[in-house]
Amino acid sequence: MFSASKLSEEQKTALHAWAAEGASIADLQKRLKEDYEISITYMDARFLVLDLGIQLQDTPKEPEKEPEPDIPAEAPAAPGKVTTTMDHVALPGAMISGKVTFSDGETAIWMLDSTGRPGLDPDTVGYRPSQEDIMDFQKQLADLVRGGGF
């Protein structure tokens, strides 16, 4: 384990300056290696930041945009019929998920877990869609899943 006491005052000052310029912990680790030939682990760099009271800058990073998959966002449905959509990012614990609006206007969240078991969470507690709506939903879900490559 690396200790802050092994650094000179010049090195400590440089760490503070780099952090003030917006350097991340990984950047500090890299700069120590490049400028002072001090190799430390990322964890040691984290502890070093804490030990020296270095204030890292909060620079909001642009989130990486995931490429949009070529799947239909919505299964075609006529007014008053079942409409099923798939989320671009699945709910936690789900392989895929989405939303469904039944012919009576009631909505629910659906999901398939990693073993393929379906789940349906209606917005109205105790809601049970009609058998016809369930059959339409299952057909649309199968089409969405096939279209998504699952």
Protein backbone atom coordinates (compact mmCIF):
# COMPACT_ATOMS: atom_id res chain seq x y z
CA MET A 1 0.00 0.00 0.00
CA PHE A 2 1.30 3.40 -0.98
CA SER A 3 1.51 6.16 1.61
CA ALA A 4 1.23 9.93 1.13
CA SER A 5 4.34 10.29 3.29
CA LYS A 6 6.40 8.87 0.39
CA LEU A 7 5.62 11.95 -1.72
CA SER A 8 7.68 15.13 -1.77
CA GLU A 9 6.03 18.52 -1.24
CA GLU A 10 6.47 19.22 -4.96
CA GLN A 11 4.57 16.03 -5.83
CA LYS A 12 1.79 16.83 -3.35
CA THR A 13 1.45 20.33 -4.79
CA ALA A 14 1.33 18.89 -8.31
CA LEU A 15 -1.48 16.51 -7.29
CA HIS A 16 -3.52 19.40 -5.89
CA ALA A 17 -2.90 21.46 -9.06
CA TRP A 18 -3.92 18.60 -11.36
CA ALA A 19 -7.09 18.05 -9.38
CA ALA A 20 -7.89 21.77 -9.57
CA GLU A 21 -7.55 21.51 -13.37
CA GLY A 22 -10.26 18.82 -13.36
CA ALA A 23 -8.20 15.63 -13.23
CA SER A 24 -9.95 12.45 -12.10
CA ILE A 25 -8.44 9.85 -9.80
CA ALA A 26 -7.39 7.83 -12.85
CA ASP A 27 -5.78 10.95 -14.33
CA LEU A 28 -3.85 11.57 -11.11
CA GLN A 29 -2.67 7.97 -11.12
CA LYS A 30 -1.54 8.30 -14.75
CA ARG A 31 0.22 11.65 -14.20
CA LEU A 32 2.12 10.30 -11.19
CA LYS A 33 3.37 7.47 -13.41
CA GLU A 34 4.26 9.72 -16.33
CA ASP A 35 5.74 12.70 -14.50
CA TYR A 36 7.31 11.11 -11.42
CA GLU A 37 7.59 7.40 -12.33
CA ILE A 38 5.42 6.48 -9.34
CA SER A 39 3.22 3.47 -10.07
CA ILE A 40 0.27 3.08 -7.75
CA THR A 41 -3.02 1.22 -7.97
CA TYR A 42 -6.29 3.02 -8.50
CA MET A 43 -7.28 2.17 -4.91
CA ASP A 44 -4.03 3.66 -3.62
CA ALA A 45 -4.74 6.79 -5.69
CA ARG A 46 -8.19 7.02 -4.07
CA PHE A 47 -6.66 6.77 -0.60
CA LEU A 48 -4.02 9.32 -1.56
CA VAL A 49 -6.74 11.79 -2.57
CA LEU A 50 -8.40 11.27 0.81
CA ASP A 51 -5.16 11.45 2.81
CA LEU A 52 -4.06 14.68 1.14
CA GLY A 53 -7.51 16.27 1.24
CA ILE A 54 -7.52 16.77 -2.50
CA GLN A 55 -10.77 18.25 -3.81
CA LEU A 56 -11.71 16.71 -7.14
CA GLN A 57 -13.74 18.87 -9.50
CA ASP A 58 -17.30 17.85 -10.24
CA THR A 59 -17.27 17.95 -14.00
CA PRO A 60 -20.47 16.59 -15.45
CA LYS A 61 -19.57 14.11 -18.14
CA GLU A 62 -21.71 13.63 -21.20
CA PRO A 63 -23.39 10.25 -20.86
CA GLU A 64 -22.46 7.91 -23.66
CA LYS A 65 -25.38 7.45 -25.97
CA GLU A 66 -26.24 3.88 -26.72
CA PRO A 67 -26.97 3.16 -30.34
CA GLU A 68 -30.67 2.87 -30.97
CA PRO A 69 -31.54 -0.74 -31.76
CA ASP A 70 -33.50 -1.48 -34.90
CA ILE A 71 -36.59 -2.65 -33.07
CA PRO A 72 -40.03 -1.22 -33.38
CA ALA A 73 -40.75 1.09 -30.47
CA GLU A 74 -44.41 0.32 -30.72
CA ALA A 75 -46.40 -2.58 -32.08
CA PRO A 76 -49.08 -1.41 -34.48
CA ALA A 77 -52.53 -1.26 -32.96
CA ALA A 78 -55.85 0.29 -33.91
CA PRO A 79 -57.54 2.80 -31.55
CA GLY A 80 -59.24 1.02 -28.65
CA LYS A 81 -56.91 -1.95 -29.01
CA VAL A 82 -53.89 -3.16 -27.09
CA THR A 83 -50.66 -1.17 -27.59
CA THR A 84 -47.33 -2.62 -26.48
CA THR A 85 -43.99 -0.78 -26.33
CA MET A 86 -40.48 -1.93 -25.41
CA ASP A 87 -38.10 0.12 -23.24
CA HIS A 88 -34.71 0.99 -24.75
CA VAL A 89 -33.17 0.27 -21.33
CA ALA A 90 -34.67 -2.65 -19.41
CA LEU A 91 -35.84 -2.33 -15.83
CA PRO A 92 -33.42 -3.64 -13.17
CA GLY A 93 -33.66 -7.42 -12.96
CA ALA A 94 -35.31 -7.69 -16.38
CA MET A 95 -33.87 -8.93 -19.64
CA ILE A 96 -36.39 -6.71 -21.47
CA SER A 97 -39.31 -4.59 -20.34
CA GLY A 98 -41.87 -2.13 -21.58
CA LYS A 99 -45.38 -0.77 -21.24
CA VAL A 100 -48.77 -1.95 -22.41
CA THR A 101 -52.05 -0.08 -22.78
CA PHE A 102 -55.08 -2.33 -22.92
CA SER A 103 -58.22 -1.66 -24.97
CA ASP A 104 -60.03 -0.19 -21.95
CA GLY A 105 -57.26 2.39 -21.40
CA GLU A 106 -55.67 0.65 -18.39
CA THR A 107 -51.87 0.57 -18.45
CA ALA A 108 -49.23 -1.76 -17.05
CA ILE A 109 -45.49 -2.38 -17.04
CA TRP A 110 -44.36 -5.71 -18.41
CA MET A 111 -41.01 -7.49 -18.16
CA LEU A 112 -39.26 -10.74 -19.02
CA ASP A 113 -36.60 -11.86 -16.55
CA SER A 114 -33.36 -13.61 -17.52
CA THR A 115 -35.08 -17.00 -17.50
CA GLY A 116 -37.88 -15.78 -19.77
CA ARG A 117 -40.56 -15.60 -17.09
CA PRO A 118 -43.06 -12.82 -17.78
CA GLY A 119 -44.25 -10.26 -15.27
CA LEU A 120 -47.07 -7.72 -15.50
CA ASP A 121 -47.51 -4.83 -13.05
CA PRO A 122 -50.77 -2.94 -13.72
CA ASP A 123 -51.05 0.70 -12.64
CA THR A 124 -54.44 -0.08 -11.06
CA VAL A 125 -54.10 -2.55 -8.19
CA GLY A 126 -56.04 -5.73 -8.88
CA TYR A 127 -56.67 -4.94 -12.55
CA ARG A 128 -57.19 -7.97 -14.79
CA PRO A 129 -57.29 -7.42 -18.56
CA SER A 130 -59.81 -9.30 -20.69
CA GLN A 131 -58.81 -12.61 -22.27
CA GLU A 132 -58.92 -10.97 -25.72
CA ASP A 133 -56.55 -8.20 -24.53
CA ILE A 134 -54.18 -10.79 -23.05
CA MET A 135 -54.06 -12.65 -26.36
CA ASP A 136 -53.40 -9.41 -28.29
CA PHE A 137 -50.70 -8.42 -25.78
CA GLN A 138 -48.98 -11.82 -26.05
CA LYS A 139 -48.94 -11.63 -29.85
CA GLN A 140 -47.52 -8.08 -29.83
CA LEU A 141 -44.96 -9.03 -27.19
CA ALA A 142 -43.82 -12.01 -29.26
CA ASP A 143 -43.44 -9.73 -32.31
CA LEU A 144 -41.44 -7.15 -30.29
CA VAL A 145 -39.18 -9.82 -28.80
CA ARG A 146 -38.52 -11.42 -32.20
CA GLY A 147 -37.89 -7.98 -33.73
CA GLY A 148 -35.42 -7.16 -30.96
CA GLY A 149 -33.33 -10.28 -31.58
CA PHE A 150 -34.19 -12.06 -28.36
